[in-house]
């Protein structure tokens, strides 16, 4: 038997040490990745191209008018600087409501939809203006109509005597191409011939969707689907080890944003309670960040804490939802 030389033994030992070092580096890298800090905010950053406006950019990414303006305070909605970067709130925390059909949150002007094992979806919506608010409560879809006929109400005809008694299918129909009728008098989820009103408080109480969104939703929702209408300015939930809070403008603040006016900052009254309940006992919360999110009301999830998600949240359906058009 030939005994290896001392030089050979040194080379073998060096090779083994190198392999262990490489393995250790890989393990450390994997651990660092597994315990990396969650992102500060869950958004898309977009670079403005020539002749683009914020509403156009927002619509292409499944966003409504007010929410894309709220996420970009100080940016001119119709003449943003070419080459500048804007924030697109393309993911959302769903409202605190049942996830077995449709949830309409009038506060963030979005519709959230679940269907079996399919990925949940969310769509921007237009809702009722101040004196004709979209009512909160539980209802359901009782009827569906493609190419619906629109019948102006007596109130509408008093306000505008030039309105016809009925408007058939076509580009002048305020219901758009599809309508879902709810078990509440005159309340519908429908399309629109005025897409600029999506993401704003402009309807007579109905829920409006973009013309490209309503046919998709129409096909996904059968008669009998439950619909929950809520009003939640503040949402808080966990994602990948991070506690996030999402705060939306109050109605008067949304009106100011819609007309490019500054709004008076104020904290939502339930902000601390909602964040504390979501945090549980094993989270470290940065309350200064919570306060900042509550005052700015940017409308997208902001990281405010880290820790261990409460056990009660395990096994729930996906809670971070991407905009359908994104």
C-alpha atoms as a PDB file:
ATOM      1  CA  UNK A   1       0.000   0.000   0.000  1.00  0.00           C
ATOM      2  CA  UNK A   2       1.339   3.430  -0.904  1.00  0.00           C
ATOM      3  CA  UNK A   3       1.204   5.966   1.909  1.00  0.00           C
ATOM      4  CA  UNK A   4       0.104   9.430   0.726  1.00  0.00           C
ATOM      5  CA  UNK A   5       2.703  12.125   0.952  1.00  0.00           C
ATOM      6  CA  UNK A   6       2.438  15.012   3.424  1.00  0.00           C
ATOM      7  CA  UNK A   7       1.767  17.392   0.497  1.00  0.00           C
ATOM      8  CA  UNK A   8      -1.131  15.206  -0.654  1.00  0.00           C
ATOM      9  CA  UNK A   9      -2.606  15.172   2.869  1.00  0.00           C
ATOM     10  CA  UNK A  10      -2.406  18.964   3.055  1.00  0.00           C
ATOM     11  CA  UNK A  11      -4.183  19.307  -0.307  1.00  0.00           C
ATOM     12  CA  UNK A  12      -6.962  16.925   0.815  1.00  0.00           C
ATOM     13  CA  UNK A  13      -7.402  18.771   4.100  1.00  0.00           C
ATOM     14  CA  UNK A  14      -7.569  22.101   2.268  1.00  0.00           C
ATOM     15  CA  UNK A  15     -10.219  20.707  -0.062  1.00  0.00           C
ATOM     16  CA  UNK A  16     -12.338  19.473   2.861  1.00  0.00           C
ATOM     17  CA  UNK A  17     -12.015  22.838   4.641  1.00  0.00           C
ATOM     18  CA  UNK A  18     -13.062  24.657   1.461  1.00  0.00           C
ATOM     19  CA  UNK A  19     -16.098  22.406   1.070  1.00  0.00           C
ATOM     20  CA  UNK A  20     -17.164  23.049   4.671  1.00  0.00           C
ATOM     21  CA  UNK A  21     -16.674  26.783   4.244  1.00  0.00           C
ATOM     22  CA  UNK A  22     -18.782  26.771   1.089  1.00  0.00           C
ATOM     23  CA  UNK A  23     -21.489  24.724   2.794  1.00  0.00           C
ATOM     24  CA  UNK A  24     -21.445  27.072   5.769  1.00  0.00           C
ATOM     25  CA  UNK A  25     -21.724  30.097   3.512  1.00  0.00           C
ATOM     26  CA  UNK A  26     -24.686  28.582   1.716  1.00  0.00           C
ATOM     27  CA  UNK A  27     -26.413  27.767   5.012  1.00  0.00           C
ATOM     28  CA  UNK A  28     -25.812  31.271   6.333  1.00  0.00           C
ATOM     29  CA  UNK A  29     -27.129  32.729   3.097  1.00  0.00           C
ATOM     30  CA  UNK A  30     -30.268  30.583   3.316  1.00  0.00           C
ATOM     31  CA  UNK A  31     -30.828  31.571   6.927  1.00  0.00           C
ATOM     32  CA  UNK A  32     -30.331  35.250   6.127  1.00  0.00           C
ATOM     33  CA  UNK A  33     -32.858  34.949   3.312  1.00  0.00           C
ATOM     34  CA  UNK A  34     -35.367  33.129   5.494  1.00  0.00           C
ATOM     35  CA  UNK A  35     -35.184  35.780   8.233  1.00  0.00           C
ATOM     36  CA  UNK A  36     -34.817  38.839   6.029  1.00  0.00           C
ATOM     37  CA  UNK A  37     -36.726  41.961   7.034  1.00  0.00           C
ATOM     38  CA  UNK A  38     -40.103  42.286   5.276  1.00  0.00           C
ATOM     39  CA  UNK A  39     -40.318  45.070   2.678  1.00  0.00           C
ATOM     40  CA  UNK A  40     -41.193  48.525   4.011  1.00  0.00           C
ATOM     41  CA  UNK A  41     -44.163  48.777   1.660  1.00  0.00           C
ATOM     42  CA  UNK A  42     -45.899  46.456  -0.776  1.00  0.00           C
ATOM     43  CA  UNK A  43     -46.291  48.481  -3.954  1.00  0.00           C
ATOM     44  CA  UNK A  44     -45.213  48.740  -7.583  1.00  0.00           C
ATOM     45  CA  UNK A  45     -42.896  51.585  -8.573  1.00  0.00           C
ATOM     46  CA  UNK A  46     -43.510  52.836 -12.098  1.00  0.00           C
ATOM     47  CA  UNK A  47     -41.507  55.230 -14.292  1.00  0.00           C
ATOM     48  CA  UNK A  48     -43.675  57.818 -16.048  1.00  0.00           C
ATOM     49  CA  UNK A  49     -43.454  57.802 -19.840  1.00  0.00           C
ATOM     50  CA  UNK A  50     -44.110  60.767 -22.190  1.00  0.00           C
ATOM     51  CA  UNK A  51     -47.737  61.938 -22.433  1.00  0.00           C
ATOM     52  CA  UNK A  52     -48.941  59.654 -19.623  1.00  0.00           C
ATOM     53  CA  UNK A  53     -51.293  60.761 -16.854  1.00  0.00           C
ATOM     54  CA  UNK A  54     -51.717  59.266 -13.388  1.00  0.00           C
ATOM     55  CA  UNK A  55     -55.331  58.160 -14.040  1.00  0.00           C
ATOM     56  CA  UNK A  56     -54.262  56.372 -17.251  1.00  0.00           C
ATOM     57  CA  UNK A  57     -51.375  54.653 -15.510  1.00  0.00           C
ATOM     58  CA  UNK A  58     -53.628  53.681 -12.630  1.00  0.00           C
ATOM     59  CA  UNK A  59     -56.312  52.204 -14.850  1.00  0.00           C
ATOM     60  CA  UNK A  60     -53.788  50.019 -16.685  1.00  0.00           C
ATOM     61  CA  UNK A  61     -52.712  48.645 -13.324  1.00  0.00           C
ATOM     62  CA  UNK A  62     -56.202  48.029 -11.943  1.00  0.00           C
ATOM     63  CA  UNK A  63     -56.420  51.184  -9.831  1.00  0.00           C
ATOM     64  CA  UNK A  64     -59.066  53.848  -9.358  1.00  0.00           C
ATOM     65  CA  UNK A  65     -58.756  57.609  -9.591  1.00  0.00           C
ATOM     66  CA  UNK A  66     -58.504  58.687  -5.950  1.00  0.00           C
ATOM     67  CA  UNK A  67     -56.308  55.797  -4.811  1.00  0.00           C
ATOM     68  CA  UNK A  68     -53.571  56.458  -7.377  1.00  0.00           C
ATOM     69  CA  UNK A  69     -53.605  60.165  -6.466  1.00  0.00           C
ATOM     70  CA  UNK A  70     -53.581  59.420  -2.723  1.00  0.00           C
ATOM     71  CA  UNK A  71     -50.501  57.222  -3.124  1.00  0.00           C
ATOM     72  CA  UNK A  72     -48.641  60.055  -4.882  1.00  0.00           C
ATOM     73  CA  UNK A  73     -49.251  63.318  -2.995  1.00  0.00           C
ATOM     74  CA  UNK A  74     -47.727  66.311  -4.708  1.00  0.00           C
ATOM     75  CA  UNK A  75     -47.629  64.681  -8.155  1.00  0.00           C
ATOM     76  CA  UNK A  76     -49.682  66.470 -10.815  1.00  0.00           C
ATOM     77  CA  UNK A  77     -52.374  63.992 -11.893  1.00  0.00           C
ATOM     78  CA  UNK A  78     -52.419  65.049 -15.542  1.00  0.00           C
ATOM     79  CA  UNK A  79     -48.880  66.341 -16.110  1.00  0.00           C
ATOM     80  CA  UNK A  80     -46.545  64.139 -14.043  1.00  0.00           C
ATOM     81  CA  UNK A  81     -42.839  64.650 -14.711  1.00  0.00           C
ATOM     82  CA  UNK A  82     -41.630  62.326 -17.467  1.00  0.00           C
ATOM     83  CA  UNK A  83     -39.072  59.894 -16.091  1.00  0.00           C
ATOM     84  CA  UNK A  84     -40.204  60.354 -12.492  1.00  0.00           C
ATOM     85  CA  UNK A  85     -41.229  57.366 -10.405  1.00  0.00           C
ATOM     86  CA  UNK A  86     -44.726  57.002  -9.018  1.00  0.00           C
ATOM     87  CA  UNK A  87     -46.124  54.546  -6.499  1.00  0.00           C
ATOM     88  CA  UNK A  88     -48.856  52.168  -7.629  1.00  0.00           C
ATOM     89  CA  UNK A  89     -50.778  50.453  -4.789  1.00  0.00           C
ATOM     90  CA  UNK A  90     -51.215  47.180  -6.677  1.00  0.00           C
ATOM     91  CA  UNK A  91     -51.629  44.981  -3.598  1.00  0.00           C
ATOM     92  CA  UNK A  92     -54.117  45.389  -0.761  1.00  0.00           C
ATOM     93  CA  UNK A  93     -55.047  43.916   2.564  1.00  0.00           C
ATOM     94  CA  UNK A  94     -58.648  42.712   2.253  1.00  0.00           C
ATOM     95  CA  UNK A  95     -61.252  44.020   4.700  1.00  0.00           C
ATOM     96  CA  UNK A  96     -62.167  42.255   7.913  1.00  0.00           C
ATOM     97  CA  UNK A  97     -65.195  40.440   6.473  1.00  0.00           C
ATOM     98  CA  UNK A  98     -66.264  36.939   5.336  1.00  0.00           C
ATOM     99  CA  UNK A  99     -64.300  35.619   2.356  1.00  0.00           C
ATOM    100  CA  UNK A 100     -67.046  33.564   0.746  1.00  0.00           C
ATOM    101  CA  UNK A 101     -68.207  35.789  -2.088  1.00  0.00           C
ATOM    102  CA  UNK A 102     -67.887  39.523  -2.627  1.00  0.00           C
ATOM    103  CA  UNK A 103     -66.824  42.255  -0.216  1.00  0.00           C
ATOM    104  CA  UNK A 104     -67.305  45.896  -1.202  1.00  0.00           C
ATOM    105  CA  UNK A 105     -65.286  48.302   0.938  1.00  0.00           C
ATOM    106  CA  UNK A 106     -66.573  51.810   0.350  1.00  0.00           C
ATOM    107  CA  UNK A 107     -63.653  53.315   2.306  1.00  0.00           C
ATOM    108  CA  UNK A 108     -60.985  52.151  -0.129  1.00  0.00           C
ATOM    109  CA  UNK A 109     -63.357  52.070  -3.107  1.00  0.00           C
ATOM    110  CA  UNK A 110     -62.506  48.487  -4.007  1.00  0.00           C
ATOM    111  CA  UNK A 111     -64.363  45.224  -4.533  1.00  0.00           C
ATOM    112  CA  UNK A 112     -62.815  41.981  -3.247  1.00  0.00           C
ATOM    113  CA  UNK A 113     -63.908  38.656  -4.720  1.00  0.00           C
ATOM    114  CA  UNK A 114     -63.270  35.059  -3.685  1.00  0.00           C
ATOM    115  CA  UNK A 115     -64.276  31.967  -5.639  1.00  0.00           C
ATOM    116  CA  UNK A 116     -63.420  28.460  -4.479  1.00  0.00           C
ATOM    117  CA  UNK A 117     -59.774  27.561  -4.969  1.00  0.00           C
ATOM    118  CA  UNK A 118     -59.145  30.380  -7.462  1.00  0.00           C
ATOM    119  CA  UNK A 119     -56.846  33.212  -6.457  1.00  0.00           C
ATOM    120  CA  UNK A 120     -58.817  36.073  -4.876  1.00  0.00           C
ATOM    121  CA  UNK A 121     -59.177  39.224  -6.946  1.00  0.00           C
ATOM    122  CA  UNK A 122     -59.754  42.892  -6.229  1.00  0.00           C
ATOM    123  CA  UNK A 123     -61.138  45.608  -8.509  1.00  0.00           C
ATOM    124  CA  UNK A 124     -61.409  49.415  -8.227  1.00  0.00           C
ATOM    125  CA  UNK A 125     -64.960  50.737  -8.009  1.00  0.00           C
ATOM    126  CA  UNK A 126     -66.959  53.939  -8.110  1.00  0.00           C
ATOM    127  CA  UNK A 127     -69.406  54.396  -5.225  1.00  0.00           C
ATOM    128  CA  UNK A 128     -72.247  56.642  -4.092  1.00  0.00           C
ATOM    129  CA  UNK A 129     -71.621  60.330  -3.585  1.00  0.00           C
ATOM    130  CA  UNK A 130     -72.118  62.067  -0.240  1.00  0.00           C
ATOM    131  CA  UNK A 131     -75.896  62.396  -0.270  1.00  0.00           C
ATOM    132  CA  UNK A 132     -76.417  58.996  -1.929  1.00  0.00           C
ATOM    133  CA  UNK A 133     -73.937  56.774  -0.110  1.00  0.00           C
ATOM    134  CA  UNK A 134     -73.585  53.083  -0.921  1.00  0.00           C
ATOM    135  CA  UNK A 135     -75.332  51.379   2.041  1.00  0.00           C
ATOM    136  CA  UNK A 136     -73.443  48.994   4.320  1.00  0.00           C
ATOM    137  CA  UNK A 137     -74.772  45.524   5.145  1.00  0.00           C
ATOM    138  CA  UNK A 138     -75.130  42.010   3.793  1.00  0.00           C
ATOM    139  CA  UNK A 139     -77.018  41.321   0.563  1.00  0.00           C
ATOM    140  CA  UNK A 140     -76.728  38.962  -2.408  1.00  0.00           C
ATOM    141  CA  UNK A 141     -76.912  38.851  -6.190  1.00  0.00           C
ATOM    142  CA  UNK A 142     -80.499  38.132  -7.233  1.00  0.00           C
ATOM    143  CA  UNK A 143     -80.333  38.799 -10.989  1.00  0.00           C
ATOM    144  CA  UNK A 144     -77.807  39.182 -13.808  1.00  0.00           C
ATOM    145  CA  UNK A 145     -78.228  41.033 -17.101  1.00  0.00           C
ATOM    146  CA  UNK A 146     -75.971  41.409 -20.120  1.00  0.00           C
ATOM    147  CA  UNK A 147     -76.721  44.537 -22.202  1.00  0.00           C
ATOM    148  CA  UNK A 148     -79.070  45.858 -19.488  1.00  0.00           C
ATOM    149  CA  UNK A 149     -81.663  48.593 -19.911  1.00  0.00           C
ATOM    150  CA  UNK A 150     -81.257  51.621 -17.644  1.00  0.00           C
ATOM    151  CA  UNK A 151     -84.358  53.223 -16.149  1.00  0.00           C
ATOM    152  CA  UNK A 152     -83.690  56.630 -14.559  1.00  0.00           C
ATOM    153  CA  UNK A 153     -85.370  56.980 -11.162  1.00  0.00           C
ATOM    154  CA  UNK A 154     -88.014  59.650 -10.512  1.00  0.00           C
ATOM    155  CA  UNK A 155     -85.411  61.576  -8.490  1.00  0.00           C
ATOM    156  CA  UNK A 156     -83.023  61.557 -11.439  1.00  0.00           C
ATOM    157  CA  UNK A 157     -85.706  62.768 -13.825  1.00  0.00           C
ATOM    158  CA  UNK A 158     -86.679  65.553 -11.411  1.00  0.00           C
ATOM    159  CA  UNK A 159     -83.052  66.662 -11.276  1.00  0.00           C
ATOM    160  CA  UNK A 160     -82.704  66.382 -15.056  1.00  0.00           C
ATOM    161  CA  UNK A 161     -86.038  66.529 -16.925  1.00  0.00           C
ATOM    162  CA  UNK A 162     -84.246  65.868 -20.223  1.00  0.00           C
ATOM    163  CA  UNK A 163     -83.516  62.268 -19.238  1.00  0.00           C
ATOM    164  CA  UNK A 164     -85.453  59.639 -21.205  1.00  0.00           C
ATOM    165  CA  UNK A 165     -87.619  57.075 -19.431  1.00  0.00           C
ATOM    166  CA  UNK A 166     -85.256  54.303 -20.521  1.00  0.00           C
ATOM    167  CA  UNK A 167     -81.855  53.867 -22.172  1.00  0.00           C
ATOM    168  CA  UNK A 168     -81.154  50.681 -24.104  1.00  0.00           C
ATOM    169  CA  UNK A 169     -77.830  48.932 -24.670  1.00  0.00           C
ATOM    170  CA  UNK A 170     -75.087  51.028 -26.204  1.00  0.00           C
ATOM    171  CA  UNK A 171     -72.448  53.655 -25.426  1.00  0.00           C
ATOM    172  CA  UNK A 172     -74.948  55.983 -23.701  1.00  0.00           C
ATOM    173  CA  UNK A 173     -76.063  53.417 -21.136  1.00  0.00           C
ATOM    174  CA  UNK A 174     -74.788  54.330 -17.616  1.00  0.00           C
ATOM    175  CA  UNK A 175     -74.934  50.637 -16.616  1.00  0.00           C
ATOM    176  CA  UNK A 176     -72.352  49.699 -19.226  1.00  0.00           C
ATOM    177  CA  UNK A 177     -72.422  46.232 -20.745  1.00  0.00           C
ATOM    178  CA  UNK A 178     -73.313  44.113 -17.693  1.00  0.00           C
ATOM    179  CA  UNK A 179     -75.218  44.497 -14.437  1.00  0.00           C
ATOM    180  CA  UNK A 180     -75.535  42.421 -11.270  1.00  0.00           C
ATOM    181  CA  UNK A 181     -78.710  43.242  -9.339  1.00  0.00           C
ATOM    182  CA  UNK A 182     -78.598  43.039  -5.534  1.00  0.00           C
ATOM    183  CA  UNK A 183     -81.325  42.257  -3.024  1.00  0.00           C
ATOM    184  CA  UNK A 184     -81.574  45.951  -2.140  1.00  0.00           C
ATOM    185  CA  UNK A 185     -83.868  48.286  -4.055  1.00  0.00           C
ATOM    186  CA  UNK A 186     -82.062  49.992  -6.975  1.00  0.00           C
ATOM    187  CA  UNK A 187     -78.638  48.744  -5.855  1.00  0.00           C
ATOM    188  CA  UNK A 188     -76.451  47.157  -8.543  1.00  0.00           C
ATOM    189  CA  UNK A 189     -72.872  46.246  -9.375  1.00  0.00           C
ATOM    190  CA  UNK A 190     -72.410  47.280 -13.003  1.00  0.00           C
ATOM    191  CA  UNK A 191     -70.164  48.696 -15.682  1.00  0.00           C
ATOM    192  CA  UNK A 192     -70.177  52.304 -16.780  1.00  0.00           C
ATOM    193  CA  UNK A 193     -69.944  54.579 -19.795  1.00  0.00           C
ATOM    194  CA  UNK A 194     -67.979  57.054 -17.664  1.00  0.00           C
ATOM    195  CA  UNK A 195     -64.820  55.217 -16.587  1.00  0.00           C
ATOM    196  CA  UNK A 196     -63.340  58.383 -15.067  1.00  0.00           C
ATOM    197  CA  UNK A 197     -65.839  57.889 -12.217  1.00  0.00           C
ATOM    198  CA  UNK A 198     -64.255  54.601 -11.125  1.00  0.00           C
ATOM    199  CA  UNK A 199     -62.292  55.171  -7.954  1.00  0.00           C
ATOM    200  CA  UNK A 200     -64.387  58.182  -6.938  1.00  0.00           C
ATOM    201  CA  UNK A 201     -67.635  58.992  -5.141  1.00  0.00           C
ATOM    202  CA  UNK A 202     -69.760  59.807  -8.165  1.00  0.00           C
ATOM    203  CA  UNK A 203     -72.632  57.295  -8.414  1.00  0.00           C
ATOM    204  CA  UNK A 204     -76.176  57.365  -7.050  1.00  0.00           C
ATOM    205  CA  UNK A 205     -75.301  54.530  -4.684  1.00  0.00           C
ATOM    206  CA  UNK A 206     -74.490  51.736  -7.125  1.00  0.00           C
ATOM    207  CA  UNK A 207     -71.065  50.116  -7.484  1.00  0.00           C
ATOM    208  CA  UNK A 208     -69.358  50.885 -10.810  1.00  0.00           C
ATOM    209  CA  UNK A 209     -66.511  48.970 -12.435  1.00  0.00           C
ATOM    210  CA  UNK A 210     -64.270  49.711 -15.393  1.00  0.00           C
ATOM    211  CA  UNK A 211     -65.686  48.496 -18.728  1.00  0.00           C
ATOM    212  CA  UNK A 212     -62.878  45.923 -18.963  1.00  0.00           C
ATOM    213  CA  UNK A 213     -63.528  44.554 -15.448  1.00  0.00           C
ATOM    214  CA  UNK A 214     -67.302  44.082 -15.329  1.00  0.00           C
ATOM    215  CA  UNK A 215     -67.490  41.285 -17.979  1.00  0.00           C
ATOM    216  CA  UNK A 216     -64.886  39.277 -16.046  1.00  0.00           C
ATOM    217  CA  UNK A 217     -66.692  39.699 -12.745  1.00  0.00           C
ATOM    218  CA  UNK A 218     -70.049  39.000 -14.399  1.00  0.00           C
ATOM    219  CA  UNK A 219     -68.858  35.580 -15.548  1.00  0.00           C
ATOM    220  CA  UNK A 220     -67.375  34.705 -12.169  1.00  0.00           C
ATOM    221  CA  UNK A 221     -70.380  35.527  -9.978  1.00  0.00           C
ATOM    222  CA  UNK A 222     -73.518  33.343 -10.076  1.00  0.00           C
ATOM    223  CA  UNK A 223     -76.928  34.401  -8.809  1.00  0.00           C
ATOM    224  CA  UNK A 224     -77.042  33.860  -5.062  1.00  0.00           C
ATOM    225  CA  UNK A 225     -73.460  35.034  -4.404  1.00  0.00           C
ATOM    226  CA  UNK A 226     -73.325  36.793  -1.016  1.00  0.00           C
ATOM    227  CA  UNK A 227     -72.220  40.436  -1.052  1.00  0.00           C
ATOM    228  CA  UNK A 228     -70.927  42.186   2.066  1.00  0.00           C
ATOM    229  CA  UNK A 229     -70.711  45.985   1.976  1.00  0.00           C
ATOM    230  CA  UNK A 230     -68.425  47.456   4.639  1.00  0.00           C
ATOM    231  CA  UNK A 231     -66.752  50.778   5.434  1.00  0.00           C
ATOM    232  CA  UNK A 232     -63.237  50.185   6.777  1.00  0.00           C
ATOM    233  CA  UNK A 233     -60.668  52.965   6.458  1.00  0.00           C
ATOM    234  CA  UNK A 234     -58.061  50.969   8.409  1.00  0.00           C
ATOM    235  CA  UNK A 235     -56.924  47.405   7.684  1.00  0.00           C
ATOM    236  CA  UNK A 236     -54.097  45.522   9.394  1.00  0.00           C
ATOM    237  CA  UNK A 237     -52.710  42.058   8.737  1.00  0.00           C
ATOM    238  CA  UNK A 238     -49.579  39.916   8.526  1.00  0.00           C
ATOM    239  CA  UNK A 239     -47.477  39.033   5.494  1.00  0.00           C
ATOM    240  CA  UNK A 240     -44.222  37.044   5.542  1.00  0.00           C
ATOM    241  CA  UNK A 241     -43.382  37.898   9.146  1.00  0.00           C
ATOM    242  CA  UNK A 242     -44.328  41.556   8.878  1.00  0.00           C
ATOM    243  CA  UNK A 243     -47.310  43.378  10.340  1.00  0.00           C
ATOM    244  CA  UNK A 244     -48.762  45.842   7.842  1.00  0.00           C
ATOM    245  CA  UNK A 245     -51.329  48.598   8.160  1.00  0.00           C
ATOM    246  CA  UNK A 246     -53.233  50.125   5.247  1.00  0.00           C
ATOM    247  CA  UNK A 247     -55.066  53.413   5.835  1.00  0.00           C
ATOM    248  CA  UNK A 248     -57.349  55.127   3.322  1.00  0.00           C
ATOM    249  CA  UNK A 249     -58.667  58.692   3.166  1.00  0.00           C
ATOM    250  CA  UNK A 250     -61.923  59.581   4.915  1.00  0.00           C
ATOM    251  CA  UNK A 251     -64.750  60.720   2.601  1.00  0.00           C
ATOM    252  CA  UNK A 252     -63.978  64.441   2.929  1.00  0.00           C
ATOM    253  CA  UNK A 253     -60.269  63.757   2.383  1.00  0.00           C
ATOM    254  CA  UNK A 254     -61.038  61.649  -0.700  1.00  0.00           C
ATOM    255  CA  UNK A 255     -63.112  64.528  -2.069  1.00  0.00           C
ATOM    256  CA  UNK A 256     -60.178  66.903  -1.533  1.00  0.00           C
ATOM    257  CA  UNK A 257     -57.779  64.503  -3.269  1.00  0.00           C
ATOM    258  CA  UNK A 258     -60.178  64.091  -6.195  1.00  0.00           C
ATOM    259  CA  UNK A 259     -60.037  67.837  -6.836  1.00  0.00           C
ATOM    260  CA  UNK A 260     -56.281  68.110  -6.147  1.00  0.00           C
ATOM    261  CA  UNK A 261     -56.722  69.961  -2.869  1.00  0.00           C
ATOM    262  CA  UNK A 262     -54.733  69.320   0.331  1.00  0.00           C
ATOM    263  CA  UNK A 263     -56.633  67.643   3.142  1.00  0.00           C
ATOM    264  CA  UNK A 264     -56.387  68.130   6.896  1.00  0.00           C
ATOM    265  CA  UNK A 265     -54.417  65.213   8.408  1.00  0.00           C
ATOM    266  CA  UNK A 266     -56.161  63.355  11.237  1.00  0.00           C
ATOM    267  CA  UNK A 267     -55.879  59.907  12.739  1.00  0.00           C
ATOM    268  CA  UNK A 268     -58.663  57.353  12.252  1.00  0.00           C
ATOM    269  CA  UNK A 269     -60.388  56.788  15.578  1.00  0.00           C
ATOM    270  CA  UNK A 270     -59.955  52.981  15.531  1.00  0.00           C
ATOM    271  CA  UNK A 271     -56.351  52.927  14.271  1.00  0.00           C
ATOM    272  CA  UNK A 272     -54.645  51.841  17.514  1.00  0.00           C
ATOM    273  CA  UNK A 273     -57.255  49.220  18.369  1.00  0.00           C
ATOM    274  CA  UNK A 274     -57.161  47.603  14.912  1.00  0.00           C
ATOM    275  CA  UNK A 275     -53.355  47.435  14.813  1.00  0.00           C
ATOM    276  CA  UNK A 276     -53.130  46.126  18.375  1.00  0.00           C
ATOM    277  CA  UNK A 277     -55.680  43.380  17.715  1.00  0.00           C
ATOM    278  CA  UNK A 278     -53.840  42.294  14.563  1.00  0.00           C
ATOM    279  CA  UNK A 279     -50.449  42.396  16.306  1.00  0.00           C
ATOM    280  CA  UNK A 280     -51.341  40.015  19.130  1.00  0.00           C
ATOM    281  CA  UNK A 281     -48.835  39.419  21.934  1.00  0.00           C
ATOM    282  CA  UNK A 282     -45.689  38.444  20.008  1.00  0.00           C
ATOM    283  CA  UNK A 283     -45.103  41.439  17.768  1.00  0.00           C
ATOM    284  CA  UNK A 284     -42.906  44.496  18.078  1.00  0.00           C
ATOM    285  CA  UNK A 285     -44.886  47.468  16.762  1.00  0.00           C
ATOM    286  CA  UNK A 286     -43.385  50.789  15.722  1.00  0.00           C
ATOM    287  CA  UNK A 287     -46.179  53.100  16.846  1.00  0.00           C
ATOM    288  CA  UNK A 288     -44.530  56.133  15.253  1.00  0.00           C
ATOM    289  CA  UNK A 289     -44.887  54.399  11.874  1.00  0.00           C
ATOM    290  CA  UNK A 290     -48.492  53.555  12.717  1.00  0.00           C
ATOM    291  CA  UNK A 291     -49.185  57.209  13.449  1.00  0.00           C
ATOM    292  CA  UNK A 292     -47.430  58.306  10.254  1.00  0.00           C
ATOM    293  CA  UNK A 293     -49.490  55.865   8.168  1.00  0.00           C
ATOM    294  CA  UNK A 294     -52.672  57.074   9.871  1.00  0.00           C
ATOM    295  CA  UNK A 295     -51.942  60.720   9.126  1.00  0.00           C
ATOM    296  CA  UNK A 296     -50.706  60.301   5.550  1.00  0.00           C
ATOM    297  CA  UNK A 297     -53.428  57.813   4.473  1.00  0.00           C
ATOM    298  CA  UNK A 298     -51.503  56.693   1.383  1.00  0.00           C
ATOM    299  CA  UNK A 299     -53.789  53.694   0.778  1.00  0.00           C
ATOM    300  CA  UNK A 300     -51.245  50.877   0.554  1.00  0.00           C
ATOM    301  CA  UNK A 301     -49.771  48.393   3.086  1.00  0.00           C
ATOM    302  CA  UNK A 302     -46.967  49.877   5.209  1.00  0.00           C
ATOM    303  CA  UNK A 303     -44.737  47.782   7.478  1.00  0.00           C
ATOM    304  CA  UNK A 304     -45.267  48.772  11.128  1.00  0.00           C
ATOM    305  CA  UNK A 305     -44.110  45.688  13.036  1.00  0.00           C
ATOM    306  CA  UNK A 306     -42.351  42.343  13.010  1.00  0.00           C
ATOM    307  CA  UNK A 307     -42.756  39.204  15.069  1.00  0.00           C
ATOM    308  CA  UNK A 308     -44.830  36.055  15.169  1.00  0.00           C
ATOM    309  CA  UNK A 309     -48.262  36.013  13.587  1.00  0.00           C
ATOM    310  CA  UNK A 310     -51.023  35.045  16.045  1.00  0.00           C
ATOM    311  CA  UNK A 311     -52.051  31.379  15.766  1.00  0.00           C
ATOM    312  CA  UNK A 312     -55.630  32.405  15.052  1.00  0.00           C
ATOM    313  CA  UNK A 313     -54.519  33.605  11.632  1.00  0.00           C
ATOM    314  CA  UNK A 314     -53.236  30.187  10.529  1.00  0.00           C
ATOM    315  CA  UNK A 315     -55.119  28.357   7.831  1.00  0.00           C
ATOM    316  CA  UNK A 316     -56.953  31.437   6.583  1.00  0.00           C
ATOM    317  CA  UNK A 317     -57.310  32.141   2.834  1.00  0.00           C
ATOM    318  CA  UNK A 318     -54.714  34.378   1.138  1.00  0.00           C
ATOM    319  CA  UNK A 319     -55.043  37.840   2.586  1.00  0.00           C
ATOM    320  CA  UNK A 320     -52.706  39.875   0.406  1.00  0.00           C
ATOM    321  CA  UNK A 321     -54.575  40.552  -2.837  1.00  0.00           C
ATOM    322  CA  UNK A 322     -53.231  41.888  -6.136  1.00  0.00           C
ATOM    323  CA  UNK A 323     -55.238  44.196  -8.371  1.00  0.00           C
ATOM    324  CA  UNK A 324     -56.980  42.114 -11.041  1.00  0.00           C
ATOM    325  CA  UNK A 325     -55.619  44.084 -13.975  1.00  0.00           C
ATOM    326  CA  UNK A 326     -52.057  44.070 -12.709  1.00  0.00           C
END
